[in-house]
Amino acid sequence: VGQSAADPATILMTNTNLAETKTVQGNLVQAERLYRRVLHLAATEEEYQLSSFVGRAHIGLGAILYEWNALEAAADQLDKGLEQARQSADTRTLLGAYVNLARLFQAQGHLDQAYDMLQQAMQLTPGLGSEFVPAIINTFQTRLWLAHDIQSPWLVGIDPAAPGDLGRHGLVQHRSKAAPKPTAIVG
């Protein structure tokens, strides 16, 4: 897709968007090939090296490598994606980098770093104009706490088996004050 177009920017955009679609569909091998194609093209076309599509390709490839448990390679791609997002000042790509790095740090057992990535992601959300994004971040943070049996101040007194909306307990709201970092793993 997009290979017959003479414009490399169109090829970057098309292949990145298609790779993201293939990832959602579960076609990770096809998505990996498309992300690598984007990165190869960007490496040969200097003017496109700072494109947000290149950052998205690094992050998407990193997420796939994470799924395949190639954590070192995933970390390399996610770090490149984070740097790319910072250079291109692309907030949504930066958000994706932070959330995926949080997942990676959790898998590596680096809970403080995972928590820090989520905090940085949350700081980006006010400018996005969506309440959906903070809810996703808070959900991941809660999973992080639950997976490591960390007692969160938000979870005290909440029975996860009880019916009702956890949102009314403040679980999926913007936090005006930073919650304490998890400091101990029980279990």
Protein backbone atom coordinates (compact mmCIF):
# COMPACT_ATOMS: atom_id res chain seq x y z
CA VAL A 1 0.00 0.00 0.00
CA GLY A 2 1.34 3.38 -0.94
CA GLN A 3 4.38 1.85 -2.64
CA SER A 4 3.51 3.18 -6.08
CA ALA A 5 3.21 6.74 -4.78
CA ALA A 6 6.22 8.90 -5.55
CA ASP A 7 5.86 10.86 -2.33
CA PRO A 8 7.73 9.24 0.59
CA ALA A 9 5.52 11.12 3.09
CA THR A 10 2.47 9.34 1.68
CA ILE A 11 4.25 6.00 1.98
CA LEU A 12 5.18 6.74 5.62
CA MET A 13 1.64 7.78 6.50
CA THR A 14 -0.08 4.94 4.68
CA ASN A 15 2.18 2.18 5.99
CA THR A 16 2.08 3.49 9.57
CA ASN A 17 -1.72 3.69 9.54
CA LEU A 18 -2.01 0.25 7.94
CA ALA A 19 0.43 -1.23 10.48
CA GLU A 20 -1.67 0.17 13.32
CA THR A 21 -4.77 -1.36 11.76
CA LYS A 22 -3.03 -4.73 11.34
CA THR A 23 -1.94 -4.59 14.99
CA VAL A 24 -5.51 -4.03 16.17
CA GLN A 25 -6.62 -6.92 13.95
CA GLY A 26 -4.00 -9.15 15.54
CA ASN A 27 -1.90 -9.49 12.39
CA LEU A 28 1.34 -8.74 14.20
CA VAL A 29 3.70 -10.24 11.62
CA GLN A 30 2.22 -8.05 8.88
CA ALA A 31 2.26 -5.03 11.19
CA GLU A 32 5.91 -5.65 12.06
CA ARG A 33 6.85 -5.72 8.36
CA LEU A 34 4.99 -2.47 7.72
CA TYR A 35 6.60 -0.70 10.70
CA ARG A 36 10.04 -1.86 9.58
CA ARG A 37 9.30 -0.60 6.05
CA VAL A 38 8.46 2.83 7.49
CA LEU A 39 11.67 2.89 9.52
CA HIS A 40 13.76 1.78 6.53
CA LEU A 41 12.28 4.49 4.33
CA ALA A 42 12.80 7.15 6.98
CA ALA A 43 16.42 6.08 7.35
CA THR A 44 16.97 6.63 3.63
CA GLU A 45 15.01 9.90 3.38
CA GLU A 46 16.61 12.40 5.77
CA GLU A 47 13.78 14.93 5.49
CA TYR A 48 11.32 12.41 6.99
CA GLN A 49 13.42 11.27 9.94
CA LEU A 50 11.59 13.62 12.32
CA SER A 51 8.12 12.68 11.10
CA SER A 52 5.59 11.73 13.76
CA PHE A 53 4.92 8.61 11.67
CA VAL A 54 8.47 7.43 12.38
CA GLY A 55 7.89 7.83 16.12
CA ARG A 56 4.62 5.94 15.82
CA ALA A 57 6.41 3.19 13.87
CA HIS A 58 9.06 2.81 16.60
CA ILE A 59 6.38 2.66 19.29
CA GLY A 60 4.20 0.26 17.32
CA LEU A 61 7.15 -2.02 16.63
CA GLY A 62 8.15 -1.80 20.29
CA ALA A 63 4.64 -2.81 21.34
CA ILE A 64 4.74 -5.82 19.03
CA LEU A 65 8.16 -6.88 20.32
CA TYR A 66 6.80 -6.53 23.86
CA GLU A 67 3.93 -8.88 22.94
CA TRP A 68 6.49 -11.35 21.61
CA ASN A 69 8.43 -11.05 24.90
CA ALA A 70 11.48 -9.60 23.14
CA LEU A 71 11.77 -7.06 25.94
CA GLU A 72 15.27 -5.76 25.18
CA ALA A 73 14.42 -5.11 21.54
CA ALA A 74 11.09 -3.60 22.61
CA ALA A 75 12.88 -1.25 25.00
CA ASP A 76 15.19 -0.10 22.20
CA GLN A 77 12.27 0.67 19.87
CA LEU A 78 10.21 2.36 22.58
CA ASP A 79 13.17 4.54 23.61
CA LYS A 80 13.64 5.57 19.98
CA GLY A 81 9.92 6.30 19.70
CA LEU A 82 9.99 8.38 22.88
CA GLU A 83 12.92 10.43 21.59
CA GLN A 84 11.24 10.85 18.21
CA ALA A 85 8.01 12.00 19.85
CA ARG A 86 9.91 14.53 21.94
CA GLN A 87 11.73 15.90 18.89
CA SER A 88 8.58 16.17 16.80
CA ALA A 89 6.54 17.51 19.76
CA ASP A 90 3.77 15.03 19.00
CA THR A 91 1.70 14.69 22.18
CA ARG A 92 -0.28 11.63 21.13
CA THR A 93 2.84 9.74 20.09
CA LEU A 94 4.53 10.77 23.32
CA LEU A 95 1.54 9.46 25.24
CA GLY A 96 1.81 6.12 23.42
CA ALA A 97 5.50 5.92 24.26
CA TYR A 98 4.92 6.53 27.96
CA VAL A 99 2.10 3.99 28.24
CA ASN A 100 4.02 1.29 26.36
CA LEU A 101 7.17 1.97 28.38
CA ALA A 102 5.09 1.60 31.54
CA ARG A 103 3.94 -1.83 30.34
CA LEU A 104 7.53 -2.78 29.57
CA PHE A 105 8.84 -1.61 32.94
CA GLN A 106 6.10 -3.56 34.68
CA ALA A 107 7.06 -6.72 32.79
CA GLN A 108 10.68 -6.17 33.84
CA GLY A 109 9.65 -5.69 37.47
CA HIS A 110 10.62 -2.00 37.57
CA LEU A 111 7.47 -0.73 39.29
CA ASP A 112 8.75 2.74 40.17
CA GLN A 113 9.73 3.38 36.55
CA ALA A 114 6.39 2.04 35.32
CA TYR A 115 4.58 4.35 37.72
CA ASP A 116 6.73 7.32 36.62
CA MET A 117 5.86 6.68 32.96
CA LEU A 118 2.16 6.68 33.83
CA GLN A 119 2.56 9.95 35.74
CA GLN A 120 4.24 11.52 32.71
CA ALA A 121 1.47 10.23 30.46
CA MET A 122 -1.17 11.67 32.78
CA GLN A 123 0.48 15.09 32.64
CA LEU A 124 -0.12 15.13 28.87
CA THR A 125 -3.84 14.41 29.05
CA PRO A 126 -5.30 17.88 29.79
CA GLY A 127 -4.37 19.13 26.31
CA LEU A 128 -5.93 16.16 24.52
CA GLY A 129 -9.54 17.13 25.19
CA SER A 130 -10.64 13.63 26.11
CA GLU A 131 -11.66 12.02 29.37
CA PHE A 132 -11.14 8.63 27.75
CA VAL A 133 -7.32 8.84 27.81
CA PRO A 134 -6.99 9.49 31.58
CA ALA A 135 -9.40 6.61 32.18
CA ILE A 136 -7.15 4.28 30.18
CA ILE A 137 -4.09 5.42 32.11
CA ASN A 138 -5.85 5.04 35.46
CA THR A 139 -7.05 1.58 34.45
CA PHE A 140 -3.50 0.53 33.61
CA GLN A 141 -2.24 2.00 36.88
CA THR A 142 -4.84 0.02 38.79
CA ARG A 143 -3.80 -3.15 36.95
CA LEU A 144 -0.20 -2.40 37.89
CA TRP A 145 -1.15 -2.14 41.55
CA LEU A 146 -3.34 -5.23 41.49
CA ALA A 147 -0.78 -7.33 39.63
CA HIS A 148 1.78 -6.60 42.31
CA ASP A 149 -0.64 -6.64 45.25
CA ILE A 150 0.17 -3.06 46.13
CA GLN A 151 -2.26 -1.36 48.46
CA SER A 152 -3.39 1.79 46.71
CA PRO A 153 -5.13 4.58 48.57
CA TRP A 154 -7.74 4.47 45.81
CA LEU A 155 -8.45 0.78 46.32
CA VAL A 156 -8.89 0.77 50.10
CA GLY A 157 -12.45 -0.19 50.93
CA ILE A 158 -13.39 -1.08 47.36
CA ASP A 159 -14.69 -4.55 46.76
CA PRO A 160 -13.91 -5.31 43.09
CA ALA A 161 -16.59 -8.01 43.11
CA ALA A 162 -19.29 -5.57 44.25
CA PRO A 163 -21.59 -4.18 41.58
CA GLY A 164 -21.35 -0.50 40.79
CA ASP A 165 -19.25 2.07 39.06
CA LEU A 166 -15.68 2.33 40.32
CA GLY A 167 -15.60 5.82 38.81
CA ARG A 168 -17.65 7.21 41.69
CA HIS A 169 -14.89 6.11 44.07
CA GLY A 170 -12.42 8.37 42.27
CA LEU A 171 -10.65 5.56 40.49
CA VAL A 172 -10.99 7.00 37.00
CA GLN A 173 -10.80 10.71 37.61
CA HIS A 174 -8.06 13.22 36.99
CA ARG A 175 -5.93 13.52 40.07
CA SER A 176 -5.17 17.04 41.17
CA LYS A 177 -2.55 15.80 43.63
CA ALA A 178 0.03 13.15 42.91
CA ALA A 179 -0.82 9.84 44.54
CA PRO A 180 1.96 8.24 46.53
CA LYS A 181 4.26 6.01 44.56
CA PRO A 182 4.01 2.32 45.29
CA THR A 183 6.88 1.53 47.61
CA ALA A 184 6.45 -2.07 48.61
CA ILE A 185 5.47 -5.28 46.97
CA VAL A 186 3.52 -7.60 49.21
CA GLY A 187 3.55 -11.28 48.50
